[in-house]
Amino acid sequence: MRIDKFLKAARLVKRRTAAQEMIEVGAVRIDGRTCKSSAEVTEGRTIEIAYMARVLKVKVLCADESLLKRPQTVPYEVTEERQVSTDERPW
């Protein structure tokens, strides 16, 4: 599954276009490396997402699109969450 679709389906980002913009500016990383919107997400990978005031690091538990549509599916596990100041750019 593409990273932009995963972020939307896992409810980490509200809109897919917002996910694409975040990826374009470098606010999303897979396994510590910058990526493109078309990058593939598989189970076991680590995704880092830089929001305005925090950085969230998650481990992918489920990357199957059909399973993500079910409300009982847990798509990720939060491994780290840290606060950053708004004037600091985390990447």
C-alpha atoms as a PDB file:
ATOM      1  CA  MET A   1       0.000   0.000   0.000  1.00  0.00           C
ATOM      2  CA  ARG A   2       1.224   3.508  -0.803  1.00  0.00           C
ATOM      3  CA  ILE A   3       2.350   5.637   2.137  1.00  0.00           C
ATOM      4  CA  ASP A   4      -0.122   8.464   1.408  1.00  0.00           C
ATOM      5  CA  LYS A   5      -3.037   5.995   1.310  1.00  0.00           C
ATOM      6  CA  PHE A   6      -1.817   4.321   4.517  1.00  0.00           C
ATOM      7  CA  LEU A   7      -1.627   7.598   6.425  1.00  0.00           C
ATOM      8  CA  LYS A   8      -5.211   8.404   5.428  1.00  0.00           C
ATOM      9  CA  ALA A   9      -6.597   4.891   6.022  1.00  0.00           C
ATOM     10  CA  ALA A  10      -4.858   4.607   9.403  1.00  0.00           C
ATOM     11  CA  ARG A  11      -6.306   8.011  10.386  1.00  0.00           C
ATOM     12  CA  LEU A  12      -2.901   9.549  11.018  1.00  0.00           C
ATOM     13  CA  VAL A  13      -3.750  12.335   8.540  1.00  0.00           C
ATOM     14  CA  LYS A  14      -7.244  13.592   7.699  1.00  0.00           C
ATOM     15  CA  ARG A  15      -6.857  13.879   3.922  1.00  0.00           C
ATOM     16  CA  ARG A  16      -4.721  12.104   1.380  1.00  0.00           C
ATOM     17  CA  THR A  17      -3.703  15.400  -0.210  1.00  0.00           C
ATOM     18  CA  ALA A  18      -2.493  16.603   3.185  1.00  0.00           C
ATOM     19  CA  ALA A  19      -0.437  13.418   3.495  1.00  0.00           C
ATOM     20  CA  GLN A  20       1.061  14.027   0.054  1.00  0.00           C
ATOM     21  CA  GLU A  21       2.006  17.594   1.013  1.00  0.00           C
ATOM     22  CA  MET A  22       3.622  16.410   4.254  1.00  0.00           C
ATOM     23  CA  ILE A  23       5.615  13.793   2.341  1.00  0.00           C
ATOM     24  CA  GLU A  24       6.697  16.367  -0.245  1.00  0.00           C
ATOM     25  CA  VAL A  25       8.173  18.705   2.393  1.00  0.00           C
ATOM     26  CA  GLY A  26       9.946  15.826   4.152  1.00  0.00           C
ATOM     27  CA  ALA A  27       7.758  15.541   7.244  1.00  0.00           C
ATOM     28  CA  VAL A  28       7.243  11.788   6.729  1.00  0.00           C
ATOM     29  CA  ARG A  29       9.985   9.177   6.820  1.00  0.00           C
ATOM     30  CA  ILE A  30      10.004   5.426   6.406  1.00  0.00           C
ATOM     31  CA  ASP A  31      12.705   3.605   8.366  1.00  0.00           C
ATOM     32  CA  GLY A  32      14.528   6.901   8.914  1.00  0.00           C
ATOM     33  CA  ARG A  33      14.669   7.894   5.228  1.00  0.00           C
ATOM     34  CA  THR A  34      12.656  10.444   3.304  1.00  0.00           C
ATOM     35  CA  CYS A  35      10.204   8.963   0.842  1.00  0.00           C
ATOM     36  CA  LYS A  36       7.826   9.702  -1.999  1.00  0.00           C
ATOM     37  CA  SER A  37       4.030   9.418  -1.909  1.00  0.00           C
ATOM     38  CA  SER A  38       4.274   6.213  -3.912  1.00  0.00           C
ATOM     39  CA  ALA A  39       6.586   4.454  -1.426  1.00  0.00           C
ATOM     40  CA  GLU A  40       5.301   1.050  -0.356  1.00  0.00           C
ATOM     41  CA  VAL A  41       4.368   0.415   3.258  1.00  0.00           C
ATOM     42  CA  THR A  42       4.678  -3.124   4.582  1.00  0.00           C
ATOM     43  CA  GLU A  43       4.206  -4.681   7.990  1.00  0.00           C
ATOM     44  CA  GLY A  44       7.099  -4.147  10.374  1.00  0.00           C
ATOM     45  CA  ARG A  45       8.294  -0.850   8.912  1.00  0.00           C
ATOM     46  CA  THR A  46       8.699   2.255  11.050  1.00  0.00           C
ATOM     47  CA  ILE A  47       7.089   5.530   9.994  1.00  0.00           C
ATOM     48  CA  GLU A  48       7.966   8.923  11.489  1.00  0.00           C
ATOM     49  CA  ILE A  49       5.482  11.754  11.050  1.00  0.00           C
ATOM     50  CA  ALA A  50       6.350  15.350  11.968  1.00  0.00           C
ATOM     51  CA  TYR A  51       3.278  17.370  12.870  1.00  0.00           C
ATOM     52  CA  MET A  52       3.364  21.043  13.874  1.00  0.00           C
ATOM     53  CA  ALA A  53       4.138  20.474  17.556  1.00  0.00           C
ATOM     54  CA  ARG A  54       5.062  16.800  17.826  1.00  0.00           C
ATOM     55  CA  VAL A  55       6.818  13.929  16.118  1.00  0.00           C
ATOM     56  CA  LEU A  56       5.101  10.559  16.114  1.00  0.00           C
ATOM     57  CA  LYS A  57       6.945   7.314  15.440  1.00  0.00           C
ATOM     58  CA  VAL A  58       4.801   4.250  14.668  1.00  0.00           C
ATOM     59  CA  LYS A  59       5.415   0.625  13.732  1.00  0.00           C
ATOM     60  CA  VAL A  60       3.138  -0.712  10.979  1.00  0.00           C
ATOM     61  CA  LEU A  61       1.118  -3.731  12.140  1.00  0.00           C
ATOM     62  CA  CYS A  62      -1.264  -4.019   9.182  1.00  0.00           C
ATOM     63  CA  ALA A  63      -0.821  -2.640   5.663  1.00  0.00           C
ATOM     64  CA  ASP A  64      -3.713  -4.464   3.992  1.00  0.00           C
ATOM     65  CA  GLU A  65      -6.141  -1.909   2.542  1.00  0.00           C
ATOM     66  CA  SER A  66      -9.230  -4.101   2.928  1.00  0.00           C
ATOM     67  CA  LEU A  67      -8.460  -4.766   6.611  1.00  0.00           C
ATOM     68  CA  LEU A  68      -7.851  -1.084   7.340  1.00  0.00           C
ATOM     69  CA  LYS A  69     -11.446  -0.295   6.420  1.00  0.00           C
ATOM     70  CA  ARG A  70     -12.672  -2.399   9.340  1.00  0.00           C
ATOM     71  CA  PRO A  71     -13.001  -0.380  12.565  1.00  0.00           C
ATOM     72  CA  GLN A  72     -11.590  -3.126  14.812  1.00  0.00           C
ATOM     73  CA  THR A  73      -8.272  -3.331  12.925  1.00  0.00           C
ATOM     74  CA  VAL A  74      -5.290  -1.730  14.668  1.00  0.00           C
ATOM     75  CA  PRO A  75      -2.998  -0.591  11.830  1.00  0.00           C
ATOM     76  CA  TYR A  76      -0.061   0.678  13.878  1.00  0.00           C
ATOM     77  CA  GLU A  77       1.611   0.783  17.282  1.00  0.00           C
ATOM     78  CA  VAL A  78       3.007   4.045  18.650  1.00  0.00           C
ATOM     79  CA  THR A  79       6.641   3.501  19.606  1.00  0.00           C
ATOM     80  CA  GLU A  80       7.626   7.094  20.364  1.00  0.00           C
ATOM     81  CA  GLU A  81       5.971  10.479  20.652  1.00  0.00           C
ATOM     82  CA  ARG A  82       7.835  13.663  21.451  1.00  0.00           C
ATOM     83  CA  GLN A  83       6.920  17.318  21.597  1.00  0.00           C
ATOM     84  CA  VAL A  84       8.817  19.910  19.577  1.00  0.00           C
ATOM     85  CA  SER A  85       8.604  23.678  19.652  1.00  0.00           C
ATOM     86  CA  THR A  86       6.651  25.288  16.824  1.00  0.00           C
ATOM     87  CA  ASP A  87       9.641  27.360  15.614  1.00  0.00           C
ATOM     88  CA  GLU A  88      11.849  24.253  15.396  1.00  0.00           C
ATOM     89  CA  ARG A  89      11.724  22.136  12.247  1.00  0.00           C
ATOM     90  CA  PRO A  90      12.093  18.502  13.308  1.00  0.00           C
ATOM     91  CA  TRP A  91      13.703  17.349  10.042  1.00  0.00           C
END
